Amino acid sequence: MPFKTNLETTRCPALSGFGVIAVEGRDAASFLQSQSMNDVAALAPGRWQWNGLLTPKGRVIALFALACVADGRFILVLPDGSPAELVAHLRRFVFRSKVTLGEAPAWVVAAGPAAATGDPGAIAGDPDHGFALDWSGEGGPRWLWLLPPSHPALAPADDATDVAWRAMDLAHGLPRLAGEQREAFTPQMLSLERLGAFSLKKGCYPGQEIVARTHYLGQAKRGLVRLHGTGLRAGMPVEAGGQSVGSLACTDAAGAQALAVMTLDAGDDLACGGLPCRRGDLLPGLARTR
């Protein structure tokens, strides 16, 4: 879908910490289907989904947006972590598949204006001018853009945009996992069913057995909880009545908001780092249908 917006008159600040990976080739869809936790086979060209990679023990290595821009052409938008490390991880499993993958310097991730599609799971744009993904939820409209580095609308990253974007991710329950928090949680611990980020019906993939067993045996005792407090830091334990009930997976820049993986039936008498904290609602609307 071509853009309706005249980007040449718009300022689109780059988003810090985001990386882009391109996966292309005759076997690109089947390769991603075998390695990732969501149903890539159901992802039609011109659409995107939340997806991720798991360890064989079902722990989340990376969470990302996966866009199918054409048959056999996928763009992976990684909010956190090293694209080079993720590419190296994926290349271990290519074997004889007809697929190429690597970092995509042709695209810069930026925050930009709305490119209305009427369908939040649809991709706007084209290969010559850039693509846009509707990152909106009930907290308000947001559009993530993939722009060529020379695009006239692309502006340098700025702290205010980065801080606001991360805070909105956390408010909607999108975990932003730093290095020490990767491979620490299962999809259910991160409540990724809220985003439609993993599949229980597709074929085998690394960690699939653990994910399915946890679901069908009802063993998910911990989930994602939004907390507000002071001095919050990733990895900090969460206590209820003096007993540990979980830990913080990620926080905003100010340490005032966090996503915690914690016991779902813990009470409201919560503390982090010896200081009281309180629950907040996870905003809906960030799930993307195929």
Protein backbone atom coordinates (compact mmCIF):
# COMPACT_ATOMS: atom_id res chain seq x y z
CA MET A 1 0.00 0.00 0.00
CA PRO A 2 1.61 3.35 -0.98
CA PHE A 3 1.96 6.01 1.68
CA LYS A 4 -0.58 8.78 1.87
CA THR A 5 1.78 10.94 3.95
CA ASN A 6 4.21 13.42 2.45
CA LEU A 7 7.22 12.30 4.46
CA GLU A 8 9.48 14.95 3.01
CA THR A 9 7.75 17.45 5.30
CA THR A 10 7.83 15.14 8.34
CA ARG A 11 10.48 14.53 10.99
CA CYS A 12 10.93 10.84 11.83
CA PRO A 13 13.45 10.37 14.68
CA ALA A 14 15.37 7.09 14.65
CA LEU A 15 14.63 4.72 17.53
CA SER A 16 17.70 3.69 19.52
CA GLY A 17 18.35 0.05 20.28
CA PHE A 18 16.40 -1.39 17.34
CA GLY A 19 17.96 -3.66 14.74
CA VAL A 20 16.74 -5.05 11.44
CA ILE A 21 17.40 -8.48 9.90
CA ALA A 22 16.43 -9.56 6.38
CA VAL A 23 15.52 -13.19 5.64
CA GLU A 24 15.00 -13.98 1.97
CA GLY A 25 14.87 -16.90 -0.44
CA ARG A 26 12.77 -19.74 -1.73
CA ASP A 27 12.82 -21.47 1.66
CA ALA A 28 12.62 -18.34 3.83
CA ALA A 29 9.07 -19.00 5.06
CA SER A 30 9.67 -22.68 5.82
CA PHE A 31 12.97 -21.87 7.54
CA LEU A 32 11.36 -19.27 9.80
CA GLN A 33 8.43 -21.62 10.40
CA SER A 34 10.80 -24.29 11.70
CA GLN A 35 12.80 -21.96 13.95
CA SER A 36 10.37 -19.38 15.36
CA MET A 37 7.51 -19.73 17.83
CA ASN A 38 4.67 -18.23 15.78
CA ASP A 39 2.90 -19.49 12.67
CA VAL A 40 4.83 -17.99 9.78
CA ALA A 41 2.94 -20.15 7.27
CA ALA A 42 -0.20 -18.18 8.14
CA LEU A 43 1.53 -14.83 7.55
CA ALA A 44 0.50 -13.52 4.14
CA PRO A 45 2.58 -11.00 2.17
CA GLY A 46 1.83 -7.46 3.31
CA ARG A 47 1.22 -8.45 6.94
CA TRP A 48 3.19 -8.69 10.17
CA GLN A 49 3.06 -10.55 13.48
CA TRP A 50 4.81 -10.76 16.83
CA ASN A 51 7.22 -13.67 16.89
CA GLY A 52 10.35 -14.88 18.66
CA LEU A 53 13.01 -17.52 19.11
CA LEU A 54 13.21 -19.98 21.98
CA THR A 55 15.85 -22.24 23.45
CA PRO A 56 15.13 -26.00 23.39
CA LYS A 57 14.02 -25.54 27.02
CA GLY A 58 11.35 -23.06 25.91
CA ARG A 59 13.06 -19.87 27.11
CA VAL A 60 12.75 -16.66 25.10
CA ILE A 61 15.97 -15.72 23.28
CA ALA A 62 14.43 -12.81 21.40
CA LEU A 63 11.05 -11.23 20.76
CA PHE A 64 10.52 -9.31 17.52
CA ALA A 65 8.11 -8.07 14.88
CA LEU A 66 8.19 -10.21 11.72
CA ALA A 67 6.96 -8.56 8.53
CA CYS A 68 6.34 -10.45 5.29
CA VAL A 69 6.92 -7.77 2.65
CA ALA A 70 6.63 -10.15 -0.33
CA ASP A 71 6.72 -13.86 -1.12
CA GLY A 72 10.00 -15.17 0.24
CA ARG A 73 10.98 -11.80 1.73
CA PHE A 74 10.81 -11.11 5.46
CA ILE A 75 12.02 -8.26 7.65
CA LEU A 76 12.65 -8.94 11.33
CA VAL A 77 12.51 -5.86 13.60
CA LEU A 78 14.39 -6.54 16.83
CA PRO A 79 13.66 -4.07 19.66
CA ASP A 80 16.50 -5.31 21.88
CA GLY A 81 19.67 -7.33 21.59
CA SER A 82 22.29 -7.72 18.91
CA PRO A 83 21.13 -8.39 15.33
CA ALA A 84 24.57 -9.85 14.57
CA GLU A 85 24.21 -12.39 17.40
CA LEU A 86 20.71 -13.35 16.28
CA VAL A 87 21.88 -13.78 12.68
CA ALA A 88 24.73 -15.99 13.89
CA HIS A 89 22.25 -18.05 15.92
CA LEU A 90 19.92 -18.55 12.95
CA ARG A 91 22.71 -19.40 10.52
CA ARG A 92 23.54 -22.47 12.56
CA PHE A 93 20.27 -24.00 11.35
CA VAL A 94 20.23 -23.04 7.67
CA PHE A 95 21.90 -26.27 6.46
CA ARG A 96 20.75 -26.79 2.84
CA SER A 97 17.81 -24.39 2.92
CA LYS A 98 17.63 -21.90 0.07
CA VAL A 99 17.66 -18.88 2.33
CA THR A 100 19.89 -15.88 2.94
CA LEU A 101 19.84 -13.86 6.12
CA GLY A 102 21.79 -10.99 7.57
CA GLU A 103 21.64 -7.56 9.09
CA ALA A 104 19.77 -5.07 6.91
CA PRO A 105 21.62 -1.72 6.84
CA ALA A 106 19.23 -0.58 4.10
CA TRP A 107 16.63 0.08 6.80
CA VAL A 108 16.62 2.37 9.83
CA VAL A 109 13.90 2.00 12.47
CA ALA A 110 12.16 5.30 13.20
CA ALA A 111 9.03 6.75 14.80
CA GLY A 112 6.78 8.44 12.28
CA PRO A 113 3.29 9.64 11.42
CA ALA A 114 0.28 7.44 10.76
CA ALA A 115 0.02 5.70 7.41
CA ALA A 116 -3.58 4.60 7.80
CA THR A 117 -4.33 1.09 6.58
CA GLY A 118 -7.54 0.41 8.51
CA ASP A 119 -5.92 -2.86 9.58
CA PRO A 120 -3.24 -2.83 12.31
CA GLY A 121 -1.78 -6.12 11.06
CA ALA A 122 -1.16 -4.76 7.57
CA ILE A 123 2.11 -3.26 6.34
CA ALA A 124 1.98 0.16 4.70
CA GLY A 125 4.54 1.39 2.21
CA ASP A 126 6.79 -0.02 -0.50
CA PRO A 127 10.43 -1.12 -0.95
CA ASP A 128 11.49 2.17 -2.55
CA HIS A 129 10.18 4.56 0.09
CA GLY A 130 10.00 2.47 3.24
CA PHE A 131 7.53 0.44 5.24
CA ALA A 132 5.39 1.30 8.28
CA LEU A 133 3.96 -0.95 11.00
CA ASP A 134 1.04 0.14 13.14
CA TRP A 135 2.41 -0.18 16.69
CA SER A 136 -0.72 1.41 18.21
CA GLY A 137 -2.69 0.15 21.19
CA GLU A 138 -5.22 1.53 23.61
CA GLY A 139 -2.55 3.88 24.94
CA GLY A 140 -2.66 5.84 21.68
CA PRO A 141 -1.46 5.78 18.07
CA ARG A 142 2.16 4.90 17.23
CA TRP A 143 3.74 3.99 13.90
CA LEU A 144 7.11 2.32 13.50
CA TRP A 145 8.80 3.07 10.19
CA LEU A 146 11.57 1.33 8.27
CA LEU A 147 13.27 4.03 6.22
CA PRO A 148 16.32 4.09 3.95
CA PRO A 149 19.28 5.81 5.68
CA SER A 150 19.22 8.63 3.11
CA HIS A 151 15.51 9.35 3.46
CA PRO A 152 14.94 13.12 3.91
CA ALA A 153 12.46 12.58 6.75
CA LEU A 154 14.87 10.52 8.86
CA ALA A 155 16.12 12.45 11.90
CA PRO A 156 18.66 11.50 14.59
CA ALA A 157 17.45 9.63 17.62
CA ASP A 158 16.35 11.75 20.55
CA ASP A 159 15.98 10.80 24.19
CA ALA A 160 12.38 11.99 24.52
CA THR A 161 11.14 9.78 21.69
CA ASP A 162 13.10 6.75 22.93
CA VAL A 163 11.83 7.18 26.48
CA ALA A 164 8.20 7.61 25.42
CA TRP A 165 8.34 4.65 23.01
CA ARG A 166 9.77 2.28 25.62
CA ALA A 167 7.27 3.42 28.24
CA MET A 168 4.39 2.69 25.85
CA ASP A 169 5.80 -0.75 25.04
CA LEU A 170 5.85 -1.62 28.73
CA ALA A 171 2.37 -0.20 29.32
CA HIS A 172 1.03 -2.57 26.66
CA GLY A 173 2.90 -5.59 27.99
CA LEU A 174 5.62 -5.79 25.33
CA PRO A 175 8.71 -7.02 27.22
CA ARG A 176 11.98 -5.22 26.43
CA LEU A 177 14.55 -7.81 27.44
CA ALA A 178 18.15 -6.85 28.17
CA GLY A 179 20.96 -9.37 27.86
CA GLU A 180 20.71 -10.77 31.38
CA GLN A 181 16.96 -11.28 31.00
CA ARG A 182 17.14 -13.26 27.76
CA GLU A 183 16.72 -17.03 28.08
CA ALA A 184 15.20 -16.48 31.54
CA PHE A 185 11.46 -16.76 30.81
CA THR A 186 9.03 -18.91 28.89
CA PRO A 187 6.45 -17.27 26.58
CA GLN A 188 3.75 -17.92 29.17
CA MET A 189 5.79 -16.27 31.93
CA LEU A 190 5.91 -13.19 29.70
CA SER A 191 2.17 -13.50 28.94
CA LEU A 192 2.95 -13.43 25.22
CA GLU A 193 -0.45 -14.93 24.44
CA ARG A 194 -1.70 -11.36 24.94
CA LEU A 195 0.22 -10.38 21.81
CA GLY A 196 -0.60 -13.53 19.84
CA ALA A 197 3.18 -14.05 19.68
CA PHE A 198 3.35 -17.86 19.78
CA SER A 199 1.43 -20.73 18.28
CA LEU A 200 0.14 -23.91 19.90
CA LYS A 201 -1.07 -25.41 16.61
CA LYS A 202 1.90 -25.17 14.22
CA GLY A 203 4.49 -27.91 13.78
CA CYS A 204 7.66 -28.45 15.73
CA TYR A 205 10.09 -25.67 16.60
CA PRO A 206 12.72 -25.29 19.33
CA GLY A 207 10.98 -25.16 22.71
CA GLN A 208 7.57 -26.15 21.28
CA GLU A 209 7.19 -29.18 23.56
CA ILE A 210 7.71 -27.07 26.69
CA VAL A 211 5.31 -24.37 25.48
CA ALA A 212 2.60 -26.90 24.65
CA ARG A 213 3.03 -28.87 27.87
CA THR A 214 2.84 -25.70 29.97
CA HIS A 215 -0.37 -24.69 28.21
CA TYR A 216 -2.22 -27.99 28.18
CA LEU A 217 -1.22 -29.03 31.70
CA GLY A 218 -2.02 -25.59 33.10
CA GLN A 219 1.44 -25.19 34.64
CA ALA A 220 1.88 -21.45 34.08
CA LYS A 221 1.98 -20.21 37.67
CA ARG A 222 3.72 -16.94 36.81
CA GLY A 223 2.82 -14.22 34.35
CA LEU A 224 3.47 -10.63 33.41
CA VAL A 225 2.41 -7.86 35.79
CA ARG A 226 2.85 -4.12 35.27
CA LEU A 227 4.23 -2.36 38.35
CA HIS A 228 4.79 1.27 39.34
CA GLY A 229 7.40 2.24 41.90
CA THR A 230 10.70 4.03 42.54
CA GLY A 231 14.22 3.00 41.60
CA LEU A 232 13.06 -0.09 39.71
CA ARG A 233 15.77 -2.09 37.92
CA ALA A 234 15.64 -5.21 35.76
CA GLY A 235 16.41 -8.32 37.78
CA MET A 236 15.24 -6.78 41.05
CA PRO A 237 13.18 -9.24 43.15
CA VAL A 238 9.51 -8.57 43.84
CA GLU A 239 8.28 -9.37 47.34
CA ALA A 240 4.82 -9.81 48.80
CA GLY A 241 4.56 -9.87 52.56
CA GLY A 242 8.32 -10.29 52.79
CA GLN A 243 8.38 -13.35 50.50
CA SER A 244 9.84 -13.39 46.99
CA VAL A 245 7.12 -13.75 44.36
CA GLY A 246 9.06 -12.92 41.18
CA SER A 247 11.45 -10.46 39.58
CA LEU A 248 11.48 -7.46 37.27
CA ALA A 249 12.01 -8.33 33.60
CA CYS A 250 12.41 -4.76 32.32
CA THR A 251 11.83 -1.15 33.36
CA ASP A 252 11.35 2.24 31.80
CA ALA A 253 14.17 4.78 31.64
CA ALA A 254 13.17 6.46 34.91
CA GLY A 255 12.79 3.24 36.90
CA ALA A 256 9.20 4.21 37.66
CA GLN A 257 7.44 1.53 35.61
CA ALA A 258 8.32 -2.13 35.18
CA LEU A 259 7.11 -5.43 33.83
CA ALA A 260 7.51 -8.18 36.41
CA VAL A 261 7.32 -11.93 35.97
CA MET A 262 5.66 -12.98 39.19
CA THR A 263 3.22 -15.30 40.89
CA LEU A 264 -0.20 -14.50 39.49
CA ASP A 265 -2.02 -14.86 42.80
CA ALA A 266 0.37 -12.70 44.82
CA GLY A 267 -1.42 -10.07 46.85
CA ASP A 268 -1.23 -6.31 46.50
CA ASP A 269 1.23 -5.71 49.36
CA LEU A 270 4.19 -5.58 47.00
CA ALA A 271 7.71 -4.20 47.32
CA CYS A 272 10.81 -3.92 45.13
CA GLY A 273 14.19 -3.10 46.64
CA GLY A 274 12.56 -2.55 50.01
CA LEU A 275 10.24 0.15 48.64
CA PRO A 276 6.52 -0.29 48.03
CA CYS A 277 5.25 -0.70 44.50
CA ARG A 278 1.77 -1.02 43.08
CA ARG A 279 0.09 -2.85 40.25
CA GLY A 280 -0.98 -1.14 37.05
CA ASP A 281 -3.21 -2.31 34.23
CA LEU A 282 -1.67 -3.80 31.10
CA LEU A 283 -3.16 -1.88 28.19
CA PRO A 284 -4.72 -4.02 25.44
CA GLY A 285 -4.61 -3.47 21.70
CA LEU A 286 -1.03 -4.42 20.73
CA ALA A 287 -1.88 -7.93 19.52
CA ARG A 288 -1.66 -8.32 15.75
CA THR A 289 -3.84 -10.79 13.86
CA ARG A 290 -2.66 -12.51 10.73
